[in-house]
Amino acid sequence: MYKRILVPIDGSPTSLHALDEAIQIALANKAQMQPLFVVDIQPVSYDATSAFYPSLRDALLEEGRRLAATAADRMTQAGVEGVPRVCEVDYLGDDIPQRIRHCADDFHADLVVMGTHGRRGWRRLVLGSVAEGFVRRARCPVLLVPGSETGEPHA
């Protein structure tokens, strides 16, 4: 049924749980997977903090490469084909959900599996929701995998 599965990862337990779910779906469907880490660091103005911008960007890219390697290892151990990807948002109006959608389109994904932290109320309003933002833009089916930090029992 599904042949190309995109899995956004950020290193959180929730995203790693979504990665494991995607691996099971890929195995059942003999699908190819692409774990995706998106670097989002908005350019800073010319002040004291701008000196740290290159170092922070490099650190986030390195974290993305580390997580991509971890995802590739998990996929290899399970016998799932695919190559992880690390990308950056486009600073001319792009955000993480938009970048995920572009990557899903580039990969020709027919399913996106992503974790959701289950934040509600004020925390969701302040922190936003990448999953919600992506679902609003998605062009293919999306499976949201709840994390254990939602505080709700799993059925």
Protein backbone atom coordinates (compact mmCIF):
# COMPACT_ATOMS: atom_id res chain seq x y z
CA MET A 1 0.00 0.00 0.00
CA TYR A 2 2.67 2.53 1.02
CA LYS A 3 5.94 2.59 -0.90
CA ARG A 4 7.66 5.80 0.24
CA ILE A 5 7.47 6.90 3.88
CA LEU A 6 8.88 10.18 5.20
CA VAL A 7 9.58 10.40 8.94
CA PRO A 8 10.49 13.78 10.47
CA ILE A 9 12.81 13.27 13.46
CA ASP A 10 14.09 15.70 16.05
CA GLY A 11 15.76 13.41 18.58
CA SER A 12 12.88 13.49 21.04
CA PRO A 13 11.53 10.20 22.44
CA THR A 14 8.29 10.94 20.56
CA SER A 15 10.00 11.25 17.18
CA LEU A 16 12.04 8.10 17.80
CA HIS A 17 8.83 6.27 18.67
CA ALA A 18 7.36 7.51 15.36
CA LEU A 19 10.51 6.26 13.59
CA ASP A 20 9.99 2.80 15.09
CA GLU A 21 6.34 2.81 13.99
CA ALA A 22 7.36 3.87 10.48
CA ILE A 23 9.90 1.04 10.34
CA GLN A 24 7.13 -1.46 11.13
CA ILE A 25 4.91 0.02 8.42
CA ALA A 26 7.80 -0.01 5.95
CA LEU A 27 8.52 -3.66 6.72
CA ALA A 28 4.87 -4.65 6.29
CA ASN A 29 4.67 -2.79 2.95
CA LYS A 30 8.21 -3.33 1.67
CA ALA A 31 8.43 0.44 1.55
CA GLN A 32 11.39 2.78 1.33
CA MET A 33 11.87 5.29 4.18
CA GLN A 34 13.42 8.69 4.51
CA PRO A 35 14.02 9.98 8.04
CA LEU A 36 14.22 13.78 7.92
CA PHE A 37 15.87 16.23 10.29
CA VAL A 38 15.08 19.90 9.67
CA VAL A 39 17.42 22.62 10.90
CA ASP A 40 15.58 25.82 11.75
CA ILE A 41 17.67 28.69 12.99
CA GLN A 42 16.42 32.10 12.06
CA PRO A 43 19.03 34.65 11.07
CA VAL A 44 19.84 37.06 13.86
CA SER A 45 20.36 40.78 13.68
CA TYR A 46 23.80 42.28 13.95
CA ASP A 47 24.29 42.32 17.67
CA ALA A 48 26.26 40.33 20.21
CA THR A 49 24.28 37.13 19.54
CA SER A 50 25.11 37.10 15.82
CA ALA A 51 28.64 35.94 16.65
CA PHE A 52 27.19 32.63 17.87
CA TYR A 53 25.00 32.03 14.79
CA PRO A 54 27.54 30.01 12.73
CA SER A 55 28.43 27.85 15.74
CA LEU A 56 24.78 27.17 16.55
CA ARG A 57 23.99 26.32 12.93
CA ASP A 58 26.97 23.97 12.76
CA ALA A 59 25.91 22.31 16.02
CA LEU A 60 22.37 21.76 14.71
CA LEU A 61 23.67 20.33 11.43
CA GLU A 62 25.94 17.99 13.38
CA GLU A 63 23.00 16.91 15.55
CA GLY A 64 21.03 16.24 12.37
CA ARG A 65 23.84 14.09 10.97
CA ARG A 66 24.06 12.17 14.26
CA LEU A 67 20.31 11.52 14.32
CA ALA A 68 20.34 10.56 10.63
CA ALA A 69 23.07 7.99 11.36
CA THR A 70 21.05 6.60 14.27
CA ALA A 71 17.96 6.34 12.06
CA ALA A 72 19.99 4.65 9.30
CA ASP A 73 21.31 2.10 11.82
CA ARG A 74 17.78 1.31 13.02
CA MET A 75 16.59 0.92 9.45
CA THR A 76 19.51 -1.33 8.51
CA GLN A 77 18.96 -3.54 11.56
CA ALA A 78 15.29 -3.91 10.61
CA GLY A 79 16.02 -4.49 6.92
CA VAL A 80 14.33 -1.31 5.69
CA GLU A 81 15.74 0.54 2.69
CA GLY A 82 16.19 4.27 2.52
CA VAL A 83 18.52 7.20 3.11
CA PRO A 84 18.06 9.83 5.83
CA ARG A 85 18.11 13.50 4.92
CA VAL A 86 19.17 16.65 6.78
CA CYS A 87 17.90 19.96 5.41
CA GLU A 88 17.45 23.56 6.47
CA VAL A 89 14.45 25.85 6.28
CA ASP A 90 14.47 28.47 3.57
CA TYR A 91 14.57 31.81 5.37
CA LEU A 92 12.44 33.55 2.77
CA GLY A 93 9.13 32.64 4.36
CA ASP A 94 9.68 28.95 5.11
CA ASP A 95 9.04 27.23 8.42
CA ILE A 96 9.50 23.65 9.61
CA PRO A 97 6.06 22.33 8.52
CA GLN A 98 6.50 23.94 5.10
CA ARG A 99 10.01 22.48 4.73
CA ILE A 100 8.69 19.02 5.69
CA ARG A 101 6.04 19.34 3.00
CA HIS A 102 8.63 20.31 0.39
CA CYS A 103 10.76 17.32 1.40
CA ALA A 104 7.73 15.00 1.28
CA ASP A 105 6.99 16.28 -2.23
CA ASP A 106 10.65 15.85 -3.31
CA PHE A 107 10.67 12.29 -1.95
CA HIS A 108 7.26 11.54 -3.51
CA ALA A 109 6.11 10.31 -0.10
CA ASP A 110 2.81 8.51 -0.01
CA LEU A 111 2.80 8.53 3.82
CA VAL A 112 4.33 10.78 6.47
CA VAL A 113 4.71 9.35 9.96
CA MET A 114 5.46 11.88 12.66
CA GLY A 115 5.35 12.15 16.40
CA THR A 116 3.15 14.58 18.23
CA HIS A 117 3.85 15.78 21.73
CA GLY A 118 0.19 16.25 22.61
CA ARG A 119 0.56 19.72 24.07
CA ARG A 120 -2.67 21.48 24.89
CA GLY A 121 -3.86 24.93 25.84
CA TRP A 122 -1.31 27.61 26.55
CA ARG A 123 1.76 25.40 25.92
CA ARG A 124 0.48 24.54 22.42
CA LEU A 125 -0.33 28.16 21.70
CA VAL A 126 3.10 29.37 22.82
CA LEU A 127 5.19 26.52 21.42
CA GLY A 128 3.12 25.90 18.31
CA SER A 129 2.72 22.51 16.77
CA VAL A 130 4.86 21.30 13.90
CA ALA A 131 2.57 18.28 13.47
CA GLU A 132 -0.54 20.44 13.26
CA GLY A 133 1.12 22.86 10.86
CA PHE A 134 2.22 20.01 8.64
CA VAL A 135 -1.17 18.26 8.63
CA ARG A 136 -2.74 21.50 7.38
CA ARG A 137 -0.30 21.54 4.42
CA ALA A 138 0.04 17.81 3.71
CA ARG A 139 -0.60 16.39 0.27
CA CYS A 140 -0.52 12.75 1.37
CA PRO A 141 -1.81 10.73 4.34
CA VAL A 142 -0.23 11.53 7.71
CA LEU A 143 0.03 9.17 10.68
CA LEU A 144 0.49 11.01 13.97
CA VAL A 145 2.14 8.93 16.68
CA PRO A 146 1.55 10.18 20.23
CA GLY A 147 4.43 10.29 22.64
CA SER A 148 4.46 8.99 26.14
CA GLU A 149 4.83 12.54 27.47
CA THR A 150 1.20 13.32 26.61
CA GLY A 151 0.31 11.99 30.05
CA GLU A 152 -2.63 10.06 28.67
CA PRO A 153 -2.85 6.28 28.82
CA HIS A 154 -2.57 4.45 25.50
CA ALA A 155 -5.64 2.47 24.51
